[in-house]
Amino acid sequence: MSLRPDGPYTSLTSHDLDAWLLAAQQQCAHLHLKAMDPWISSERYAAFAHMADLLLEAFEEIRVVSAQLREDSDALRCQAEVLCQRSQHLAGPQRRSQKRR
């Protein structure tokens, strides 16, 4: 149930996240049914162990998404700074000509 099948440098879309969440919910429901079965203790143990694994995987996915959002935010911040500097540079001659009038 990996969120990033194409590697660490692909962008995530809301569709990707929705698909991942739906798969996680379906697995959770399946495991919950197994865990609720009162007669099969080995099945119950396996279901809880699998739930623990899914929880760890979810934490990792959240960490990856958080890191990607941080990287995207940093990149956008740098791009905004460059655009501001470029805007100031381009507006500079206009300001000087307006001051002369």
PDB file of N, CA and C in Angstrom:
ATOM      1  N   MET A   1       0.838  -1.174   0.000  1.00  0.00           N
ATOM      2  CA  MET A   1       0.000   0.000   0.000  1.00  0.00           C
ATOM      3  C   MET A   1       0.885   1.240   0.000  1.00  0.00           C
ATOM      4  N   SER A   2       1.855   1.255  -0.845  1.00  0.00           N
ATOM      5  CA  SER A   2       2.773   2.382  -0.897  1.00  0.00           C
ATOM      6  C   SER A   2       2.138   3.566  -1.597  1.00  0.00           C
ATOM      7  N   LEU A   3       2.400   4.740  -1.052  1.00  0.00           N
ATOM      8  CA  LEU A   3       1.833   5.962  -1.591  1.00  0.00           C
ATOM      9  C   LEU A   3       2.601   6.442  -2.810  1.00  0.00           C
ATOM     10  N   ARG A   4       3.877   6.098  -2.927  1.00  0.00           N
ATOM     11  CA  ARG A   4       4.728   6.630  -3.986  1.00  0.00           C
ATOM     12  C   ARG A   4       5.322   5.488  -4.801  1.00  0.00           C
ATOM     13  N   PRO A   5       4.570   4.927  -5.726  1.00  0.00           N
ATOM     14  CA  PRO A   5       5.086   3.790  -6.488  1.00  0.00           C
ATOM     15  C   PRO A   5       6.190   4.174  -7.462  1.00  0.00           C
ATOM     16  N   ASP A   6       6.270   5.427  -7.873  1.00  0.00           N
ATOM     17  CA  ASP A   6       7.240   5.832  -8.884  1.00  0.00           C
ATOM     18  C   ASP A   6       8.551   6.337  -8.302  1.00  0.00           C
ATOM     19  N   GLY A   7       8.725   6.244  -7.023  1.00  0.00           N
ATOM     20  CA  GLY A   7       9.963   6.700  -6.410  1.00  0.00           C
ATOM     21  C   GLY A   7       9.760   7.953  -5.594  1.00  0.00           C
ATOM     22  N   PRO A   8      10.833   8.429  -4.969  1.00  0.00           N
ATOM     23  CA  PRO A   8      10.716   9.531  -4.017  1.00  0.00           C
ATOM     24  C   PRO A   8      10.548  10.905  -4.645  1.00  0.00           C
ATOM     25  N   TYR A   9      10.654  11.048  -5.971  1.00  0.00           N
ATOM     26  CA  TYR A   9      10.628  12.378  -6.550  1.00  0.00           C
ATOM     27  C   TYR A   9       9.352  12.691  -7.322  1.00  0.00           C
ATOM     28  N   THR A  10       8.328  11.836  -7.197  1.00  0.00           N
ATOM     29  CA  THR A  10       7.080  12.113  -7.890  1.00  0.00           C
ATOM     30  C   THR A  10       6.199  12.994  -7.015  1.00  0.00           C
ATOM     31  N   SER A  11       5.397  13.813  -7.661  1.00  0.00           N
ATOM     32  CA  SER A  11       4.470  14.665  -6.928  1.00  0.00           C
ATOM     33  C   SER A  11       3.221  13.868  -6.577  1.00  0.00           C
ATOM     34  N   LEU A  12       2.688  14.138  -5.432  1.00  0.00           N
ATOM     35  CA  LEU A  12       1.467  13.477  -5.006  1.00  0.00           C
ATOM     36  C   LEU A  12       0.277  14.323  -5.405  1.00  0.00           C
ATOM     37  N   THR A  13      -0.774  13.652  -5.821  1.00  0.00           N
ATOM     38  CA  THR A  13      -2.004  14.357  -6.138  1.00  0.00           C
ATOM     39  C   THR A  13      -3.056  13.988  -5.107  1.00  0.00           C
ATOM     40  N   SER A  14      -4.134  14.738  -5.082  1.00  0.00           N
ATOM     41  CA  SER A  14      -5.211  14.418  -4.144  1.00  0.00           C
ATOM     42  C   SER A  14      -5.812  13.058  -4.499  1.00  0.00           C
ATOM     43  N   HIS A  15      -5.794  12.701  -5.795  1.00  0.00           N
ATOM     44  CA  HIS A  15      -6.288  11.380  -6.204  1.00  0.00           C
ATOM     45  C   HIS A  15      -5.421  10.268  -5.606  1.00  0.00           C
ATOM     46  N   ASP A  16      -4.100  10.458  -5.622  1.00  0.00           N
ATOM     47  CA  ASP A  16      -3.181   9.471  -5.032  1.00  0.00           C
ATOM     48  C   ASP A  16      -3.475   9.283  -3.544  1.00  0.00           C
ATOM     49  N   LEU A  17      -3.652  10.407  -2.848  1.00  0.00           N
ATOM     50  CA  LEU A  17      -3.925  10.329  -1.416  1.00  0.00           C
ATOM     51  C   LEU A  17      -5.271   9.670  -1.136  1.00  0.00           C
ATOM     52  N   ASP A  18      -6.290  10.014  -1.932  1.00  0.00           N
ATOM     53  CA  ASP A  18      -7.610   9.406  -1.747  1.00  0.00           C
ATOM     54  C   ASP A  18      -7.555   7.900  -1.979  1.00  0.00           C
ATOM     55  N   ALA A  19      -6.834   7.490  -3.019  1.00  0.00           N
ATOM     56  CA  ALA A  19      -6.702   6.058  -3.313  1.00  0.00           C
ATOM     57  C   ALA A  19      -5.986   5.334  -2.182  1.00  0.00           C
ATOM     58  N   TRP A  20      -4.934   5.946  -1.659  1.00  0.00           N
ATOM     59  CA  TRP A  20      -4.198   5.332  -0.556  1.00  0.00           C
ATOM     60  C   TRP A  20      -5.071   5.230   0.690  1.00  0.00           C
ATOM     61  N   LEU A  21      -5.809   6.292   0.987  1.00  0.00           N
ATOM     62  CA  LEU A  21      -6.685   6.276   2.166  1.00  0.00           C
ATOM     63  C   LEU A  21      -7.782   5.224   2.019  1.00  0.00           C
ATOM     64  N   LEU A  22      -8.364   5.090   0.828  1.00  0.00           N
ATOM     65  CA  LEU A  22      -9.396   4.086   0.601  1.00  0.00           C
ATOM     66  C   LEU A  22      -8.833   2.683   0.801  1.00  0.00           C
ATOM     67  N   ALA A  23      -7.646   2.423   0.262  1.00  0.00           N
ATOM     68  CA  ALA A  23      -7.016   1.107   0.438  1.00  0.00           C
ATOM     69  C   ALA A  23      -6.740   0.831   1.912  1.00  0.00           C
ATOM     70  N   ALA A  24      -6.285   1.845   2.641  1.00  0.00           N
ATOM     71  CA  ALA A  24      -6.016   1.676   4.070  1.00  0.00           C
ATOM     72  C   ALA A  24      -7.313   1.383   4.828  1.00  0.00           C
ATOM     73  N   GLN A  25      -8.391   2.079   4.486  1.00  0.00           N
ATOM     74  CA  GLN A  25      -9.678   1.845   5.146  1.00  0.00           C
ATOM     75  C   GLN A  25     -10.205   0.444   4.858  1.00  0.00           C
ATOM     76  N   GLN A  26     -10.030  -0.009   3.622  1.00  0.00           N
ATOM     77  CA  GLN A  26     -10.484  -1.357   3.264  1.00  0.00           C
ATOM     78  C   GLN A  26      -9.683  -2.411   4.017  1.00  0.00           C
ATOM     79  N   GLN A  27      -8.374  -2.241   4.110  1.00  0.00           N
ATOM     80  CA  GLN A  27      -7.554  -3.193   4.857  1.00  0.00           C
ATOM     81  C   GLN A  27      -7.923  -3.177   6.332  1.00  0.00           C
ATOM     82  N   CYS A  28      -8.158  -1.985   6.852  1.00  0.00           N
ATOM     83  CA  CYS A  28      -8.529  -1.861   8.258  1.00  0.00           C
ATOM     84  C   CYS A  28      -9.838  -2.601   8.534  1.00  0.00           C
ATOM     85  N   ALA A  29     -10.835  -2.427   7.674  1.00  0.00           N
ATOM     86  CA  ALA A  29     -12.124  -3.103   7.856  1.00  0.00           C
ATOM     87  C   ALA A  29     -11.948  -4.619   7.798  1.00  0.00           C
ATOM     88  N   HIS A  30     -11.163  -5.096   6.848  1.00  0.00           N
ATOM     89  CA  HIS A  30     -10.905  -6.540   6.730  1.00  0.00           C
ATOM     90  C   HIS A  30     -10.225  -7.084   7.988  1.00  0.00           C
ATOM     91  N   LEU A  31      -9.213  -6.371   8.462  1.00  0.00           N
ATOM     92  CA  LEU A  31      -8.493  -6.817   9.661  1.00  0.00           C
ATOM     93  C   LEU A  31      -9.365  -6.713  10.909  1.00  0.00           C
ATOM     94  N   HIS A  32     -10.211  -5.709  10.946  1.00  0.00           N
ATOM     95  CA  HIS A  32     -11.105  -5.562  12.100  1.00  0.00           C
ATOM     96  C   HIS A  32     -12.048  -6.764  12.190  1.00  0.00           C
ATOM     97  N   LEU A  33     -12.568  -7.205  11.046  1.00  0.00           N
ATOM     98  CA  LEU A  33     -13.430  -8.388  11.044  1.00  0.00           C
ATOM     99  C   LEU A  33     -12.674  -9.623  11.541  1.00  0.00           C
ATOM    100  N   LYS A  34     -11.436  -9.780  11.089  1.00  0.00           N
ATOM    101  CA  LYS A  34     -10.623 -10.911  11.553  1.00  0.00           C
ATOM    102  C   LYS A  34     -10.364 -10.827  13.053  1.00  0.00           C
ATOM    103  N   ALA A  35     -10.061  -9.635  13.530  1.00  0.00           N
ATOM    104  CA  ALA A  35      -9.731  -9.464  14.944  1.00  0.00           C
ATOM    105  C   ALA A  35     -10.947  -9.695  15.835  1.00  0.00           C
ATOM    106  N   MET A  36     -12.135  -9.471  15.310  1.00  0.00           N
ATOM    107  CA  MET A  36     -13.353  -9.631  16.111  1.00  0.00           C
ATOM    108  C   MET A  36     -13.811 -11.078  16.196  1.00  0.00           C
ATOM    109  N   ASP A  37     -13.259 -11.957  15.385  1.00  0.00           N
ATOM    110  CA  ASP A  37     -13.655 -13.355  15.397  1.00  0.00           C
ATOM    111  C   ASP A  37     -13.260 -13.983  16.734  1.00  0.00           C
ATOM    112  N   PRO A  38     -14.236 -14.431  17.518  1.00  0.00           N
ATOM    113  CA  PRO A  38     -13.921 -14.932  18.871  1.00  0.00           C
ATOM    114  C   PRO A  38     -13.316 -16.330  18.894  1.00  0.00           C
ATOM    115  N   TRP A  39     -13.345 -17.053  17.805  1.00  0.00           N
ATOM    116  CA  TRP A  39     -12.966 -18.455  17.859  1.00  0.00           C
ATOM    117  C   TRP A  39     -11.565 -18.747  17.362  1.00  0.00           C
ATOM    118  N   ILE A  40     -10.989 -17.899  16.572  1.00  0.00           N
ATOM    119  CA  ILE A  40      -9.707 -18.236  15.970  1.00  0.00           C
ATOM    120  C   ILE A  40      -8.634 -17.300  16.533  1.00  0.00           C
ATOM    121  N   SER A  41      -7.931 -17.742  17.560  1.00  0.00           N
ATOM    122  CA  SER A  41      -6.964 -16.868  18.217  1.00  0.00           C
ATOM    123  C   SER A  41      -5.732 -16.583  17.356  1.00  0.00           C
ATOM    124  N   SER A  42      -5.280 -17.559  16.562  1.00  0.00           N
ATOM    125  CA  SER A  42      -4.119 -17.298  15.710  1.00  0.00           C
ATOM    126  C   SER A  42      -4.461 -16.262  14.640  1.00  0.00           C
ATOM    127  N   GLU A  43      -5.689 -16.308  14.131  1.00  0.00           N
ATOM    128  CA  GLU A  43      -6.147 -15.298  13.157  1.00  0.00           C
ATOM    129  C   GLU A  43      -6.205 -13.928  13.822  1.00  0.00           C
ATOM    130  N   ARG A  44      -6.665 -13.895  15.055  1.00  0.00           N
ATOM    131  CA  ARG A  44      -6.757 -12.632  15.783  1.00  0.00           C
ATOM    132  C   ARG A  44      -5.362 -12.043  15.994  1.00  0.00           C
ATOM    133  N   TYR A  45      -4.434 -12.880  16.408  1.00  0.00           N
ATOM    134  CA  TYR A  45      -3.069 -12.411  16.613  1.00  0.00           C
ATOM    135  C   TYR A  45      -2.482 -11.871  15.307  1.00  0.00           C
ATOM    136  N   ALA A  46      -2.684 -12.607  14.224  1.00  0.00           N
ATOM    137  CA  ALA A  46      -2.157 -12.184  12.921  1.00  0.00           C
ATOM    138  C   ALA A  46      -2.791 -10.851  12.501  1.00  0.00           C
ATOM    139  N   ALA A  47      -4.083 -10.691  12.764  1.00  0.00           N
ATOM    140  CA  ALA A  47      -4.762  -9.445  12.401  1.00  0.00           C
ATOM    141  C   ALA A  47      -4.186  -8.267  13.184  1.00  0.00           C
ATOM    142  N   PHE A  48      -3.982  -8.443  14.478  1.00  0.00           N
ATOM    143  CA  PHE A  48      -3.412  -7.354  15.275  1.00  0.00           C
ATOM    144  C   PHE A  48      -1.967  -7.052  14.879  1.00  0.00           C
ATOM    145  N   ALA A  49      -1.207  -8.090  14.557  1.00  0.00           N
ATOM    146  CA  ALA A  49       0.166  -7.869  14.105  1.00  0.00           C
ATOM    147  C   ALA A  49       0.168  -7.101  12.781  1.00  0.00           C
ATOM    148  N   HIS A  50      -0.747  -7.453  11.893  1.00  0.00           N
ATOM    149  CA  HIS A  50      -0.839  -6.759  10.607  1.00  0.00           C
ATOM    150  C   HIS A  50      -1.295  -5.309  10.823  1.00  0.00           C
ATOM    151  N   MET A  51      -2.204  -5.088  11.764  1.00  0.00           N
ATOM    152  CA  MET A  51      -2.642  -3.721  12.081  1.00  0.00           C
ATOM    153  C   MET A  51      -1.463  -2.880  12.579  1.00  0.00           C
ATOM    154  N   ALA A  52      -0.622  -3.481  13.405  1.00  0.00           N
ATOM    155  CA  ALA A  52       0.550  -2.758  13.906  1.00  0.00           C
ATOM    156  C   ALA A  52       1.486  -2.408  12.750  1.00  0.00           C
ATOM    157  N   ASP A  53       1.669  -3.357  11.820  1.00  0.00           N
ATOM    158  CA  ASP A  53       2.511  -3.089  10.650  1.00  0.00           C
ATOM    159  C   ASP A  53       1.932  -1.957   9.804  1.00  0.00           C
ATOM    160  N   LEU A  54       0.605  -1.961   9.625  1.00  0.00           N
ATOM    161  CA  LEU A  54      -0.043  -0.911   8.844  1.00  0.00           C
ATOM    162  C   LEU A  54       0.104   0.450   9.518  1.00  0.00           C
ATOM    163  N   LEU A  55       0.042   0.466  10.824  1.00  0.00           N
ATOM    164  CA  LEU A  55       0.213   1.716  11.555  1.00  0.00           C
ATOM    165  C   LEU A  55       1.618   2.265  11.352  1.00  0.00           C
ATOM    166  N   LEU A  56       2.620   1.404  11.433  1.00  0.00           N
ATOM    167  CA  LEU A  56       3.992   1.842  11.187  1.00  0.00           C
ATOM    168  C   LEU A  56       4.162   2.336   9.751  1.00  0.00           C
ATOM    169  N   GLU A  57       3.534   1.640   8.805  1.00  0.00           N
ATOM    170  CA  GLU A  57       3.611   2.063   7.409  1.00  0.00           C
ATOM    171  C   GLU A  57       2.933   3.427   7.227  1.00  0.00           C
ATOM    172  N   ALA A  58       1.809   3.629   7.896  1.00  0.00           N
ATOM    173  CA  ALA A  58       1.110   4.912   7.801  1.00  0.00           C
ATOM    174  C   ALA A  58       1.973   6.038   8.359  1.00  0.00           C
ATOM    175  N   PHE A  59       2.651   5.782   9.476  1.00  0.00           N
ATOM    176  CA  PHE A  59       3.556   6.797  10.034  1.00  0.00           C
ATOM    177  C   PHE A  59       4.658   7.153   9.037  1.00  0.00           C
ATOM    178  N   GLU A  60       5.197   6.145   8.356  1.00  0.00           N
ATOM    179  CA  GLU A  60       6.243   6.388   7.370  1.00  0.00           C
ATOM    180  C   GLU A  60       5.696   7.192   6.192  1.00  0.00           C
ATOM    181  N   GLU A  61       4.505   6.846   5.738  1.00  0.00           N
ATOM    182  CA  GLU A  61       3.897   7.586   4.627  1.00  0.00           C
ATOM    183  C   GLU A  61       3.670   9.044   5.024  1.00  0.00           C
ATOM    184  N   ILE A  62       3.222   9.269   6.239  1.00  0.00           N
ATOM    185  CA  ILE A  62       3.003  10.637   6.725  1.00  0.00           C
ATOM    186  C   ILE A  62       4.333  11.387   6.781  1.00  0.00           C
ATOM    187  N   ARG A  63       5.391  10.713   7.219  1.00  0.00           N
ATOM    188  CA  ARG A  63       6.703  11.343   7.269  1.00  0.00           C
ATOM    189  C   ARG A  63       7.162  11.739   5.869  1.00  0.00           C
ATOM    190  N   VAL A  64       6.940  10.854   4.897  1.00  0.00           N
ATOM    191  CA  VAL A  64       7.350  11.115   3.519  1.00  0.00           C
ATOM    192  C   VAL A  64       6.559  12.294   2.949  1.00  0.00           C
ATOM    193  N   VAL A  65       5.250  12.306   3.159  1.00  0.00           N
ATOM    194  CA  VAL A  65       4.417  13.397   2.657  1.00  0.00           C
ATOM    195  C   VAL A  65       4.827  14.707   3.321  1.00  0.00           C
ATOM    196  N   SER A  66       5.079  14.667   4.615  1.00  0.00           N
ATOM    197  CA  SER A  66       5.502  15.865   5.335  1.00  0.00           C
ATOM    198  C   SER A  66       6.828  16.395   4.786  1.00  0.00           C
ATOM    199  N   ALA A  67       7.762  15.501   4.536  1.00  0.00           N
ATOM    200  CA  ALA A  67       9.057  15.916   3.980  1.00  0.00           C
ATOM    201  C   ALA A  67       8.879  16.518   2.594  1.00  0.00           C
ATOM    202  N   GLN A  68       8.011  15.916   1.779  1.00  0.00           N
ATOM    203  CA  GLN A  68       7.777  16.454   0.441  1.00  0.00           C
ATOM    204  C   GLN A  68       7.138  17.840   0.527  1.00  0.00           C
ATOM    205  N   LEU A  69       6.181  18.011   1.433  1.00  0.00           N
ATOM    206  CA  LEU A  69       5.550  19.322   1.592  1.00  0.00           C
ATOM    207  C   LEU A  69       6.563  20.369   2.045  1.00  0.00           C
ATOM    208  N   ARG A  70       7.470  19.973   2.936  1.00  0.00           N
ATOM    209  CA  ARG A  70       8.526  20.902   3.376  1.00  0.00           C
ATOM    210  C   ARG A  70       9.427  21.295   2.210  1.00  0.00           C
ATOM    211  N   GLU A  71       9.824  20.312   1.420  1.00  0.00           N
ATOM    212  CA  GLU A  71      10.681  20.592   0.258  1.00  0.00           C
ATOM    213  C   GLU A  71       9.961  21.502  -0.735  1.00  0.00           C
ATOM    214  N   ASP A  72       8.696  21.198  -1.005  1.00  0.00           N
ATOM    215  CA  ASP A  72       7.915  22.022  -1.928  1.00  0.00           C
ATOM    216  C   ASP A  72       7.776  23.445  -1.400  1.00  0.00           C
ATOM    217  N   SER A  73       7.549  23.572  -0.104  1.00  0.00           N
ATOM    218  CA  SER A  73       7.412  24.887   0.510  1.00  0.00           C
ATOM    219  C   SER A  73       8.709  25.678   0.403  1.00  0.00           C
ATOM    220  N   ASP A  74       9.816  25.023   0.675  1.00  0.00           N
ATOM    221  CA  ASP A  74      11.124  25.688   0.558  1.00  0.00           C
ATOM    222  C   ASP A  74      11.382  26.133  -0.883  1.00  0.00           C
ATOM    223  N   ALA A  75      11.059  25.260  -1.828  1.00  0.00           N
ATOM    224  CA  ALA A  75      11.278  25.598  -3.239  1.00  0.00           C
ATOM    225  C   ALA A  75      10.405  26.781  -3.648  1.00  0.00           C
ATOM    226  N   LEU A  76       9.158  26.785  -3.211  1.00  0.00           N
ATOM    227  CA  LEU A  76       8.267  27.903  -3.537  1.00  0.00           C
ATOM    228  C   LEU A  76       8.734  29.195  -2.885  1.00  0.00           C
ATOM    229  N   ARG A  77       9.235  29.096  -1.667  1.00  0.00           N
ATOM    230  CA  ARG A  77       9.751  30.286  -0.984  1.00  0.00           C
ATOM    231  C   ARG A  77      10.940  30.862  -1.748  1.00  0.00           C
ATOM    232  N   CYS A  78      11.846  30.008  -2.180  1.00  0.00           N
ATOM    233  CA  CYS A  78      13.003  30.462  -2.963  1.00  0.00           C
ATOM    234  C   CYS A  78      12.553  31.075  -4.283  1.00  0.00           C
ATOM    235  N   GLN A  79      11.596  30.444  -4.931  1.00  0.00           N
ATOM    236  CA  GLN A  79      11.086  30.961  -6.197  1.00  0.00           C
ATOM    237  C   GLN A  79      10.426  32.325  -5.992  1.00  0.00           C
ATOM    238  N   ALA A  80       9.685  32.484  -4.893  1.00  0.00           N
ATOM    239  CA  ALA A  80       9.046  33.769  -4.606  1.00  0.00           C
ATOM    240  C   ALA A  80      10.096  34.852  -4.364  1.00  0.00           C
ATOM    241  N   GLU A  81      11.165  34.500  -3.665  1.00  0.00           N
ATOM    242  CA  GLU A  81      12.240  35.472  -3.430  1.00  0.00           C
ATOM    243  C   GLU A  81      12.882  35.908  -4.743  1.00  0.00           C
ATOM    244  N   VAL A  82      13.134  34.954  -5.625  1.00  0.00           N
ATOM    245  CA  VAL A  82      13.728  35.268  -6.928  1.00  0.00           C
ATOM    246  C   VAL A  82      12.787  36.162  -7.729  1.00  0.00           C
ATOM    247  N   LEU A  83      11.499  35.845  -7.707  1.00  0.00           N
ATOM    248  CA  LEU A  83      10.529  36.658  -8.439  1.00  0.00           C
ATOM    249  C   LEU A  83      10.438  38.070  -7.865  1.00  0.00           C
ATOM    250  N   CYS A  84      10.494  38.209  -6.550  1.00  0.00           N
ATOM    251  CA  CYS A  84      10.483  39.537  -5.925  1.00  0.00           C
ATOM    252  C   CYS A  84      11.714  40.339  -6.333  1.00  0.00           C
ATOM    253  N   GLN A  85      12.869  39.697  -6.306  1.00  0.00           N
ATOM    254  CA  GLN A  85      14.096  40.382  -6.714  1.00  0.00           C
ATOM    255  C   GLN A  85      14.022  40.789  -8.182  1.00  0.00           C
ATOM    256  N   ARG A  86      13.519  39.899  -9.016  1.00  0.00           N
ATOM    257  CA  ARG A  86      13.383  40.205 -10.450  1.00  0.00           C
ATOM    258  C   ARG A  86      12.396  41.353 -10.655  1.00  0.00           C
ATOM    259  N   SER A  87      11.304  41.334  -9.924  1.00  0.00           N
ATOM    260  CA  SER A  87      10.304  42.392 -10.019  1.00  0.00           C
ATOM    261  C   SER A  87      10.893  43.738  -9.605  1.00  0.00           C
ATOM    262  N   GLN A  88      11.647  43.732  -8.521  1.00  0.00           N
ATOM    263  CA  GLN A  88      12.288  44.969  -8.067  1.00  0.00           C
ATOM    264  C   GLN A  88      13.305  45.459  -9.087  1.00  0.00           C
ATOM    265  N   HIS A  89      14.027  44.525  -9.678  1.00  0.00           N
ATOM    266  CA  HIS A  89      15.016  44.893 -10.690  1.00  0.00           C
ATOM    267  C   HIS A  89      14.336  45.509 -11.913  1.00  0.00           C
ATOM    268  N   LEU A  90      13.239  44.905 -12.349  1.00  0.00           N
ATOM    269  CA  LEU A  90      12.523  45.415 -13.519  1.00  0.00           C
ATOM    270  C   LEU A  90      11.809  46.730 -13.226  1.00  0.00           C
ATOM    271  N   ALA A  91      11.339  46.895 -12.004  1.00  0.00           N
ATOM    272  CA  ALA A  91      10.627  48.119 -11.633  1.00  0.00           C
ATOM    273  C   ALA A  91      11.596  49.259 -11.337  1.00  0.00           C
ATOM    274  N   GLY A  92      12.842  48.961 -11.115  1.00  0.00           N
ATOM    275  CA  GLY A  92      13.846  49.978 -10.793  1.00  0.00           C
ATOM    276  C   GLY A  92      13.926  51.099 -11.805  1.00  0.00           C
ATOM    277  N   PRO A  93      14.108  50.823 -13.096  1.00  0.00           N
ATOM    278  CA  PRO A  93      14.180  51.911 -14.078  1.00  0.00           C
ATOM    279  C   PRO A  93      12.887  52.729 -14.157  1.00  0.00           C
ATOM    280  N   GLN A  94      11.760  52.081 -13.970  1.00  0.00           N
ATOM    281  CA  GLN A  94      10.487  52.801 -14.003  1.00  0.00           C
ATOM    282  C   GLN A  94      10.394  53.773 -12.838  1.00  0.00           C
ATOM    283  N   ARG A  95      10.832  53.347 -11.697  1.00  0.00           N
ATOM    284  CA  ARG A  95      10.790  54.218 -10.517  1.00  0.00           C
ATOM    285  C   ARG A  95      11.695  55.433 -10.712  1.00  0.00           C
ATOM    286  N   ARG A  96      12.874  55.179 -11.270  1.00  0.00           N
ATOM    287  CA  ARG A  96      13.814  56.287 -11.473  1.00  0.00           C
ATOM    288  C   ARG A  96      13.247  57.286 -12.480  1.00  0.00           C
ATOM    289  N   SER A  97      12.620  56.782 -13.541  1.00  0.00           N
ATOM    290  CA  SER A  97      12.067  57.708 -14.544  1.00  0.00           C
ATOM    291  C   SER A  97      10.860  58.464 -13.974  1.00  0.00           C
ATOM    292  N   GLN A  98      10.104  57.852 -13.102  1.00  0.00           N
ATOM    293  CA  GLN A  98       8.963  58.527 -12.489  1.00  0.00           C
ATOM    294  C   GLN A  98       9.433  59.600 -11.516  1.00  0.00           C
ATOM    295  N   LYS A  99      10.542  59.376 -10.827  1.00  0.00           N
ATOM    296  CA  LYS A  99      11.076  60.348  -9.878  1.00  0.00           C
ATOM    297  C   LYS A  99      11.602  61.573 -10.609  1.00  0.00           C
ATOM    298  N   ARG A 100      12.114  61.403 -11.810  1.00  0.00           N
ATOM    299  CA  ARG A 100      12.666  62.516 -12.595  1.00  0.00           C
ATOM    300  C   ARG A 100      11.569  63.470 -13.078  1.00  0.00           C
ATOM    301  N   ARG A 101      10.380  62.998 -13.257  1.00  0.00           N
ATOM    302  CA  ARG A 101       9.293  63.823 -13.795  1.00  0.00           C
ATOM    303  C   ARG A 101       8.782  64.764 -12.801  1.00  0.00           C
TER     304      ARG A 101
END
